[in-house]
Amino acid sequence: MDGSRTKPRTRIEIDGREFLLDGDRDLVDLMSRIEAAARSEPTFVDISSRGGLVSVLVSPGARVVISVEHEGRESIDHTPPIAPLSDWDL
């Protein structure tokens, strides 16, 4: 399958809670609303997730991580390889 035809999957994590976003969601608009909420008094931001509508209270100290993955592609493991225990000098 051509990588450009894979359907993107967007994950957003706010203070450790993860949400899967709908595919038709305007990500740039959502990021702008989260940024605005983080610069103001705590404010609710509505997120249309695959499970329905979620309102999240965003404050200046909120930790937000957004990732976009393409379905059908293998994830890359960036952790360094660890040698088997038998190869270590104990």
PDB file of N, CA and C in Angstrom:
ATOM      1  N   MET A   1       0.838  -1.176   0.000  1.00  0.00           N
ATOM      2  CA  MET A   1       0.000   0.000   0.000  1.00  0.00           C
ATOM      3  C   MET A   1       0.880   1.236   0.000  1.00  0.00           C
ATOM      4  N   ASP A   2       0.528   2.281  -0.717  1.00  0.00           N
ATOM      5  CA  ASP A   2       1.251   3.531  -0.803  1.00  0.00           C
ATOM      6  C   ASP A   2       1.132   4.271   0.518  1.00  0.00           C
ATOM      7  N   GLY A   3       2.265   4.716   1.121  1.00  0.00           N
ATOM      8  CA  GLY A   3       2.268   5.394   2.413  1.00  0.00           C
ATOM      9  C   GLY A   3       1.469   6.682   2.401  1.00  0.00           C
ATOM     10  N   SER A   4       1.335   7.342   1.232  1.00  0.00           N
ATOM     11  CA  SER A   4       0.598   8.596   1.172  1.00  0.00           C
ATOM     12  C   SER A   4      -0.904   8.370   1.255  1.00  0.00           C
ATOM     13  N   ARG A   5      -1.356   7.146   1.114  1.00  0.00           N
ATOM     14  CA  ARG A   5      -2.789   6.858   1.156  1.00  0.00           C
ATOM     15  C   ARG A   5      -3.247   6.331   2.508  1.00  0.00           C
ATOM     16  N   THR A   6      -2.330   6.192   3.441  1.00  0.00           N
ATOM     17  CA  THR A   6      -2.725   5.685   4.738  1.00  0.00           C
ATOM     18  C   THR A   6      -3.509   6.758   5.477  1.00  0.00           C
ATOM     19  N   LYS A   7      -4.425   6.322   6.291  1.00  0.00           N
ATOM     20  CA  LYS A   7      -5.268   7.233   7.045  1.00  0.00           C
ATOM     21  C   LYS A   7      -4.545   7.627   8.331  1.00  0.00           C
ATOM     22  N   PRO A   8      -4.366   8.924   8.562  1.00  0.00           N
ATOM     23  CA  PRO A   8      -3.662   9.329   9.778  1.00  0.00           C
ATOM     24  C   PRO A   8      -4.517   9.094  11.024  1.00  0.00           C
ATOM     25  N   ARG A   9      -3.836   8.787  12.121  1.00  0.00           N
ATOM     26  CA  ARG A   9      -4.497   8.611  13.408  1.00  0.00           C
ATOM     27  C   ARG A   9      -3.864   9.631  14.346  1.00  0.00           C
ATOM     28  N   THR A  10      -4.687  10.512  14.918  1.00  0.00           N
ATOM     29  CA  THR A  10      -4.185  11.562  15.783  1.00  0.00           C
ATOM     30  C   THR A  10      -4.496  11.228  17.228  1.00  0.00           C
ATOM     31  N   ARG A  11      -3.452  11.288  18.046  1.00  0.00           N
ATOM     32  CA  ARG A  11      -3.587  11.072  19.484  1.00  0.00           C
ATOM     33  C   ARG A  11      -3.252  12.374  20.186  1.00  0.00           C
ATOM     34  N   ILE A  12      -4.031  12.696  21.197  1.00  0.00           N
ATOM     35  CA  ILE A  12      -3.732  13.854  22.018  1.00  0.00           C
ATOM     36  C   ILE A  12      -3.718  13.397  23.468  1.00  0.00           C
ATOM     37  N   GLU A  13      -2.692  13.791  24.173  1.00  0.00           N
ATOM     38  CA  GLU A  13      -2.563  13.446  25.583  1.00  0.00           C
ATOM     39  C   GLU A  13      -2.530  14.740  26.373  1.00  0.00           C
ATOM     40  N   ILE A  14      -3.452  14.853  27.326  1.00  0.00           N
ATOM     41  CA  ILE A  14      -3.508  16.027  28.189  1.00  0.00           C
ATOM     42  C   ILE A  14      -3.375  15.554  29.620  1.00  0.00           C
ATOM     43  N   ASP A  15      -2.294  15.980  30.254  1.00  0.00           N
ATOM     44  CA  ASP A  15      -1.990  15.591  31.637  1.00  0.00           C
ATOM     45  C   ASP A  15      -2.107  14.088  31.857  1.00  0.00           C
ATOM     46  N   GLY A  16      -1.577  13.318  30.896  1.00  0.00           N
ATOM     47  CA  GLY A  16      -1.526  11.865  31.042  1.00  0.00           C
ATOM     48  C   GLY A  16      -2.750  11.122  30.556  1.00  0.00           C
ATOM     49  N   ARG A  17      -3.790  11.804  30.156  1.00  0.00           N
ATOM     50  CA  ARG A  17      -5.003  11.151  29.646  1.00  0.00           C
ATOM     51  C   ARG A  17      -5.003  11.242  28.131  1.00  0.00           C
ATOM     52  N   GLU A  18      -5.121  10.094  27.470  1.00  0.00           N
ATOM     53  CA  GLU A  18      -5.012  10.048  26.016  1.00  0.00           C
ATOM     54  C   GLU A  18      -6.380   9.974  25.344  1.00  0.00           C
ATOM     55  N   PHE A  19      -6.495  10.680  24.216  1.00  0.00           N
ATOM     56  CA  PHE A  19      -7.709  10.678  23.413  1.00  0.00           C
ATOM     57  C   PHE A  19      -7.331  10.403  21.962  1.00  0.00           C
ATOM     58  N   LEU A  20      -8.134   9.594  21.264  1.00  0.00           N
ATOM     59  CA  LEU A  20      -7.981   9.382  19.826  1.00  0.00           C
ATOM     60  C   LEU A  20      -8.954  10.318  19.137  1.00  0.00           C
ATOM     61  N   LEU A  21      -8.455  11.156  18.260  1.00  0.00           N
ATOM     62  CA  LEU A  21      -9.307  12.141  17.605  1.00  0.00           C
ATOM     63  C   LEU A  21      -9.968  11.580  16.364  1.00  0.00           C
ATOM     64  N   ASP A  22     -11.108  12.174  16.019  1.00  0.00           N
ATOM     65  CA  ASP A  22     -11.772  11.833  14.771  1.00  0.00           C
ATOM     66  C   ASP A  22     -10.877  12.239  13.614  1.00  0.00           C
ATOM     67  N   GLY A  23     -10.917  11.473  12.523  1.00  0.00           N
ATOM     68  CA  GLY A  23     -10.068  11.737  11.378  1.00  0.00           C
ATOM     69  C   GLY A  23     -10.346  13.054  10.693  1.00  0.00           C
ATOM     70  N   ASP A  24     -11.574  13.552  10.756  1.00  0.00           N
ATOM     71  CA  ASP A  24     -11.926  14.773  10.045  1.00  0.00           C
ATOM     72  C   ASP A  24     -11.741  16.018  10.906  1.00  0.00           C
ATOM     73  N   ARG A  25     -11.134  15.884  12.031  1.00  0.00           N
ATOM     74  CA  ARG A  25     -10.935  16.976  12.977  1.00  0.00           C
ATOM     75  C   ARG A  25      -9.894  17.960  12.448  1.00  0.00           C
ATOM     76  N   ASP A  26     -10.145  19.268  12.613  1.00  0.00           N
ATOM     77  CA  ASP A  26      -9.191  20.300  12.212  1.00  0.00           C
ATOM     78  C   ASP A  26      -8.157  20.434  13.327  1.00  0.00           C
ATOM     79  N   LEU A  27      -7.019  19.797  13.152  1.00  0.00           N
ATOM     80  CA  LEU A  27      -5.986  19.731  14.180  1.00  0.00           C
ATOM     81  C   LEU A  27      -5.386  21.103  14.475  1.00  0.00           C
ATOM     82  N   VAL A  28      -5.178  21.914  13.462  1.00  0.00           N
ATOM     83  CA  VAL A  28      -4.597  23.241  13.660  1.00  0.00           C
ATOM     84  C   VAL A  28      -5.534  24.089  14.515  1.00  0.00           C
ATOM     85  N   ASP A  29      -6.832  24.016  14.267  1.00  0.00           N
ATOM     86  CA  ASP A  29      -7.815  24.757  15.066  1.00  0.00           C
ATOM     87  C   ASP A  29      -7.791  24.283  16.517  1.00  0.00           C
ATOM     88  N   LEU A  30      -7.757  22.974  16.729  1.00  0.00           N
ATOM     89  CA  LEU A  30      -7.722  22.424  18.083  1.00  0.00           C
ATOM     90  C   LEU A  30      -6.459  22.870  18.814  1.00  0.00           C
ATOM     91  N   MET A  31      -5.325  22.826  18.153  1.00  0.00           N
ATOM     92  CA  MET A  31      -4.077  23.261  18.782  1.00  0.00           C
ATOM     93  C   MET A  31      -4.150  24.742  19.157  1.00  0.00           C
ATOM     94  N   SER A  32      -4.743  25.554  18.316  1.00  0.00           N
ATOM     95  CA  SER A  32      -4.892  26.989  18.610  1.00  0.00           C
ATOM     96  C   SER A  32      -5.776  27.207  19.827  1.00  0.00           C
ATOM     97  N   ARG A  33      -6.851  26.433  19.928  1.00  0.00           N
ATOM     98  CA  ARG A  33      -7.751  26.574  21.078  1.00  0.00           C
ATOM     99  C   ARG A  33      -7.083  26.121  22.374  1.00  0.00           C
ATOM    100  N   ILE A  34      -6.273  25.068  22.300  1.00  0.00           N
ATOM    101  CA  ILE A  34      -5.547  24.600  23.487  1.00  0.00           C
ATOM    102  C   ILE A  34      -4.514  25.644  23.908  1.00  0.00           C
ATOM    103  N   GLU A  35      -3.803  26.210  22.930  1.00  0.00           N
ATOM    104  CA  GLU A  35      -2.822  27.257  23.244  1.00  0.00           C
ATOM    105  C   GLU A  35      -3.485  28.455  23.905  1.00  0.00           C
ATOM    106  N   ALA A  36      -4.609  28.892  23.369  1.00  0.00           N
ATOM    107  CA  ALA A  36      -5.321  30.042  23.943  1.00  0.00           C
ATOM    108  C   ALA A  36      -5.775  29.744  25.368  1.00  0.00           C
ATOM    109  N   ALA A  37      -6.269  28.537  25.598  1.00  0.00           N
ATOM    110  CA  ALA A  37      -6.724  28.157  26.939  1.00  0.00           C
ATOM    111  C   ALA A  37      -5.554  28.102  27.909  1.00  0.00           C
ATOM    112  N   ALA A  38      -4.388  27.666  27.450  1.00  0.00           N
ATOM    113  CA  ALA A  38      -3.218  27.564  28.316  1.00  0.00           C
ATOM    114  C   ALA A  38      -2.663  28.943  28.685  1.00  0.00           C
ATOM    115  N   ARG A  39      -3.003  29.955  27.910  1.00  0.00           N
ATOM    116  CA  ARG A  39      -2.532  31.320  28.186  1.00  0.00           C
ATOM    117  C   ARG A  39      -3.512  32.109  29.039  1.00  0.00           C
ATOM    118  N   SER A  40      -4.644  31.533  29.374  1.00  0.00           N
ATOM    119  CA  SER A  40      -5.677  32.260  30.110  1.00  0.00           C
ATOM    120  C   SER A  40      -5.987  31.557  31.430  1.00  0.00           C
ATOM    121  N   GLU A  41      -7.049  31.992  32.055  1.00  0.00           N
ATOM    122  CA  GLU A  41      -7.558  31.288  33.223  1.00  0.00           C
ATOM    123  C   GLU A  41      -7.970  29.891  32.750  1.00  0.00           C
ATOM    124  N   PRO A  42      -8.035  28.905  33.643  1.00  0.00           N
ATOM    125  CA  PRO A  42      -8.463  27.565  33.204  1.00  0.00           C
ATOM    126  C   PRO A  42      -9.756  27.635  32.375  1.00  0.00           C
ATOM    127  N   THR A  43      -9.722  26.981  31.226  1.00  0.00           N
ATOM    128  CA  THR A  43     -10.819  27.037  30.265  1.00  0.00           C
ATOM    129  C   THR A  43     -11.086  25.649  29.709  1.00  0.00           C
ATOM    130  N   PHE A  44     -12.358  25.317  29.506  1.00  0.00           N
ATOM    131  CA  PHE A  44     -12.704  24.036  28.903  1.00  0.00           C
ATOM    132  C   PHE A  44     -12.501  24.105  27.392  1.00  0.00           C
ATOM    133  N   VAL A  45     -11.906  23.039  26.858  1.00  0.00           N
ATOM    134  CA  VAL A  45     -11.727  22.882  25.415  1.00  0.00           C
ATOM    135  C   VAL A  45     -12.452  21.603  25.020  1.00  0.00           C
ATOM    136  N   ASP A  46     -13.337  21.716  24.030  1.00  0.00           N
ATOM    137  CA  ASP A  46     -14.077  20.542  23.547  1.00  0.00           C
ATOM    138  C   ASP A  46     -13.229  19.782  22.536  1.00  0.00           C
ATOM    139  N   ILE A  47     -13.157  18.463  22.736  1.00  0.00           N
ATOM    140  CA  ILE A  47     -12.406  17.589  21.837  1.00  0.00           C
ATOM    141  C   ILE A  47     -13.350  16.514  21.328  1.00  0.00           C
ATOM    142  N   SER A  48     -13.458  16.409  20.010  1.00  0.00           N
ATOM    143  CA  SER A  48     -14.276  15.373  19.394  1.00  0.00           C
ATOM    144  C   SER A  48     -13.400  14.139  19.222  1.00  0.00           C
ATOM    145  N   SER A  49     -13.557  13.189  20.136  1.00  0.00           N
ATOM    146  CA  SER A  49     -12.739  11.975  20.072  1.00  0.00           C
ATOM    147  C   SER A  49     -13.551  10.857  19.443  1.00  0.00           C
ATOM    148  N   ARG A  50     -12.896   9.723  19.216  1.00  0.00           N
ATOM    149  CA  ARG A  50     -13.604   8.577  18.628  1.00  0.00           C
ATOM    150  C   ARG A  50     -14.675   8.045  19.560  1.00  0.00           C
ATOM    151  N   GLY A  51     -14.552   8.338  20.847  1.00  0.00           N
ATOM    152  CA  GLY A  51     -15.531   7.879  21.834  1.00  0.00           C
ATOM    153  C   GLY A  51     -16.668   8.858  22.054  1.00  0.00           C
ATOM    154  N   GLY A  52     -16.636  10.001  21.389  1.00  0.00           N
ATOM    155  CA  GLY A  52     -17.663  11.021  21.553  1.00  0.00           C
ATOM    156  C   GLY A  52     -17.036  12.373  21.823  1.00  0.00           C
ATOM    157  N   LEU A  53     -17.787  13.258  22.440  1.00  0.00           N
ATOM    158  CA  LEU A  53     -17.320  14.597  22.743  1.00  0.00           C
ATOM    159  C   LEU A  53     -16.797  14.638  24.172  1.00  0.00           C
ATOM    160  N   VAL A  54     -15.605  15.196  24.355  1.00  0.00           N
ATOM    161  CA  VAL A  54     -14.985  15.312  25.668  1.00  0.00           C
ATOM    162  C   VAL A  54     -14.627  16.782  25.872  1.00  0.00           C
ATOM    163  N   SER A  55     -14.928  17.299  27.061  1.00  0.00           N
ATOM    164  CA  SER A  55     -14.511  18.649  27.419  1.00  0.00           C
ATOM    165  C   SER A  55     -13.397  18.531  28.445  1.00  0.00           C
ATOM    166  N   VAL A  56     -12.262  19.154  28.148  1.00  0.00           N
ATOM    167  CA  VAL A  56     -11.079  19.068  29.006  1.00  0.00           C
ATOM    168  C   VAL A  56     -10.766  20.457  29.542  1.00  0.00           C
ATOM    169  N   LEU A  57     -10.558  20.541  30.853  1.00  0.00           N
ATOM    170  CA  LEU A  57     -10.187  21.808  31.475  1.00  0.00           C
ATOM    171  C   LEU A  57      -8.682  21.995  31.293  1.00  0.00           C
ATOM    172  N   VAL A  58      -8.311  23.013  30.512  1.00  0.00           N
ATOM    173  CA  VAL A  58      -6.910  23.290  30.216  1.00  0.00           C
ATOM    174  C   VAL A  58      -6.488  24.525  30.994  1.00  0.00           C
ATOM    175  N   SER A  59      -5.363  24.403  31.689  1.00  0.00           N
ATOM    176  CA  SER A  59      -4.825  25.513  32.470  1.00  0.00           C
ATOM    177  C   SER A  59      -3.383  25.768  32.025  1.00  0.00           C
ATOM    178  N   PRO A  60      -2.775  26.859  32.477  1.00  0.00           N
ATOM    179  CA  PRO A  60      -1.402  27.156  32.057  1.00  0.00           C
ATOM    180  C   PRO A  60      -0.401  26.047  32.371  1.00  0.00           C
ATOM    181  N   GLY A  61      -0.628  25.227  33.374  1.00  0.00           N
ATOM    182  CA  GLY A  61       0.311  24.171  33.715  1.00  0.00           C
ATOM    183  C   GLY A  61       0.039  22.842  33.042  1.00  0.00           C
ATOM    184  N   ALA A  62      -0.927  22.791  32.139  1.00  0.00           N
ATOM    185  CA  ALA A  62      -1.298  21.529  31.490  1.00  0.00           C
ATOM    186  C   ALA A  62      -0.177  21.047  30.571  1.00  0.00           C
ATOM    187  N   ARG A  63       0.035  19.736  30.578  1.00  0.00           N
ATOM    188  CA  ARG A  63       1.011  19.115  29.678  1.00  0.00           C
ATOM    189  C   ARG A  63       0.232  18.484  28.527  1.00  0.00           C
ATOM    190  N   VAL A  64       0.504  18.942  27.314  1.00  0.00           N
ATOM    191  CA  VAL A  64      -0.227  18.473  26.136  1.00  0.00           C
ATOM    192  C   VAL A  64       0.761  17.908  25.123  1.00  0.00           C
ATOM    193  N   VAL A  65       0.482  16.689  24.650  1.00  0.00           N
ATOM    194  CA  VAL A  65       1.299  16.058  23.611  1.00  0.00           C
ATOM    195  C   VAL A  65       0.351  15.627  22.497  1.00  0.00           C
ATOM    196  N   ILE A  66       0.670  16.023  21.270  1.00  0.00           N
ATOM    197  CA  ILE A  66      -0.140  15.650  20.109  1.00  0.00           C
ATOM    198  C   ILE A  66       0.748  14.876  19.152  1.00  0.00           C
ATOM    199  N   SER A  67       0.273  13.704  18.717  1.00  0.00           N
ATOM    200  CA  SER A  67       1.040  12.915  17.750  1.00  0.00           C
ATOM    201  C   SER A  67       0.117  12.447  16.639  1.00  0.00           C
ATOM    202  N   VAL A  68       0.654  12.444  15.436  1.00  0.00           N
ATOM    203  CA  VAL A  68      -0.088  11.977  14.267  1.00  0.00           C
ATOM    204  C   VAL A  68       0.661  10.772  13.719  1.00  0.00           C
ATOM    205  N   GLU A  69      -0.036   9.639  13.662  1.00  0.00           N
ATOM    206  CA  GLU A  69       0.549   8.402  13.155  1.00  0.00           C
ATOM    207  C   GLU A  69      -0.215   7.996  11.909  1.00  0.00           C
ATOM    208  N   HIS A  70       0.456   7.284  11.032  1.00  0.00           N
ATOM    209  CA  HIS A  70      -0.193   6.802   9.820  1.00  0.00           C
ATOM    210  C   HIS A  70      -0.442   5.313   9.960  1.00  0.00           C
ATOM    211  N   GLU A  71      -1.705   4.925   9.888  1.00  0.00           N
ATOM    212  CA  GLU A  71      -2.065   3.512   9.996  1.00  0.00           C
ATOM    213  C   GLU A  71      -1.434   2.746   8.851  1.00  0.00           C
ATOM    214  N   GLY A  72      -1.046   1.518   9.138  1.00  0.00           N
ATOM    215  CA  GLY A  72      -0.459   0.687   8.104  1.00  0.00           C
ATOM    216  C   GLY A  72       1.046   0.766   8.075  1.00  0.00           C
ATOM    217  N   ARG A  73       1.617   1.713   8.767  1.00  0.00           N
ATOM    218  CA  ARG A  73       3.073   1.810   8.848  1.00  0.00           C
ATOM    219  C   ARG A  73       3.521   1.204  10.166  1.00  0.00           C
ATOM    220  N   GLU A  74       4.643   0.530  10.133  1.00  0.00           N
ATOM    221  CA  GLU A  74       5.185  -0.043  11.352  1.00  0.00           C
ATOM    222  C   GLU A  74       5.759   1.070  12.208  1.00  0.00           C
ATOM    223  N   SER A  75       5.555   0.989  13.518  1.00  0.00           N
ATOM    224  CA  SER A  75       6.145   1.981  14.394  1.00  0.00           C
ATOM    225  C   SER A  75       7.627   1.679  14.560  1.00  0.00           C
ATOM    226  N   ILE A  76       8.392   2.721  14.708  1.00  0.00           N
ATOM    227  CA  ILE A  76       9.834   2.582  14.849  1.00  0.00           C
ATOM    228  C   ILE A  76      10.172   2.639  16.332  1.00  0.00           C
ATOM    229  N   ASP A  77      10.933   1.675  16.798  1.00  0.00           N
ATOM    230  CA  ASP A  77      11.358   1.631  18.186  1.00  0.00           C
ATOM    231  C   ASP A  77      12.684   2.368  18.290  1.00  0.00           C
ATOM    232  N   HIS A  78      12.686   3.477  19.043  1.00  0.00           N
ATOM    233  CA  HIS A  78      13.880   4.288  19.173  1.00  0.00           C
ATOM    234  C   HIS A  78      14.692   3.949  20.418  1.00  0.00           C
ATOM    235  N   THR A  79      14.333   2.916  21.150  1.00  0.00           N
ATOM    236  CA  THR A  79      15.098   2.548  22.334  1.00  0.00           C
ATOM    237  C   THR A  79      16.357   1.802  21.907  1.00  0.00           C
ATOM    238  N   PRO A  80      17.459   2.058  22.609  1.00  0.00           N
ATOM    239  CA  PRO A  80      18.691   1.374  22.226  1.00  0.00           C
ATOM    240  C   PRO A  80      18.598  -0.114  22.539  1.00  0.00           C
ATOM    241  N   PRO A  81      19.246  -0.946  21.738  1.00  0.00           N
ATOM    242  CA  PRO A  81      19.199  -2.388  22.002  1.00  0.00           C
ATOM    243  C   PRO A  81      19.943  -2.717  23.292  1.00  0.00           C
ATOM    244  N   ILE A  82      19.443  -3.704  24.014  1.00  0.00           N
ATOM    245  CA  ILE A  82      20.061  -4.144  25.253  1.00  0.00           C
ATOM    246  C   ILE A  82      20.568  -5.557  25.038  1.00  0.00           C
ATOM    247  N   ALA A  83      21.828  -5.773  25.378  1.00  0.00           N
ATOM    248  CA  ALA A  83      22.420  -7.104  25.215  1.00  0.00           C
ATOM    249  C   ALA A  83      21.798  -8.069  26.209  1.00  0.00           C
ATOM    250  N   PRO A  84      21.735  -9.347  25.860  1.00  0.00           N
ATOM    251  CA  PRO A  84      21.206 -10.332  26.805  1.00  0.00           C
ATOM    252  C   PRO A  84      22.028 -10.326  28.090  1.00  0.00           C
ATOM    253  N   LEU A  85      21.388 -10.679  29.199  1.00  0.00           N
ATOM    254  CA  LEU A  85      22.033 -10.667  30.503  1.00  0.00           C
ATOM    255  C   LEU A  85      23.299 -11.497  30.525  1.00  0.00           C
ATOM    256  N   SER A  86      23.331 -12.596  29.779  1.00  0.00           N
ATOM    257  CA  SER A  86      24.498 -13.483  29.781  1.00  0.00           C
ATOM    258  C   SER A  86      25.729 -12.795  29.191  1.00  0.00           C
ATOM    259  N   ASP A  87      25.560 -11.705  28.422  1.00  0.00           N
ATOM    260  CA  ASP A  87      26.685 -11.009  27.821  1.00  0.00           C
ATOM    261  C   ASP A  87      27.290  -9.962  28.752  1.00  0.00           C
ATOM    262  N   TRP A  88      26.655  -9.712  29.871  1.00  0.00           N
ATOM    263  CA  TRP A  88      27.136  -8.687  30.803  1.00  0.00           C
ATOM    264  C   TRP A  88      28.118  -9.301  31.804  1.00  0.00           C
ATOM    265  N   ASP A  89      29.139  -8.582  32.140  1.00  0.00           N
ATOM    266  CA  ASP A  89      30.065  -8.996  33.190  1.00  0.00           C
ATOM    267  C   ASP A  89      29.457  -8.620  34.537  1.00  0.00           C
ATOM    268  N   LEU A  90      29.198  -9.616  35.364  1.00  0.00           N
ATOM    269  CA  LEU A  90      28.597  -9.327  36.672  1.00  0.00           C
ATOM    270  C   LEU A  90      29.599  -9.448  37.769  1.00  0.00           C
TER     271      LEU A  90
END
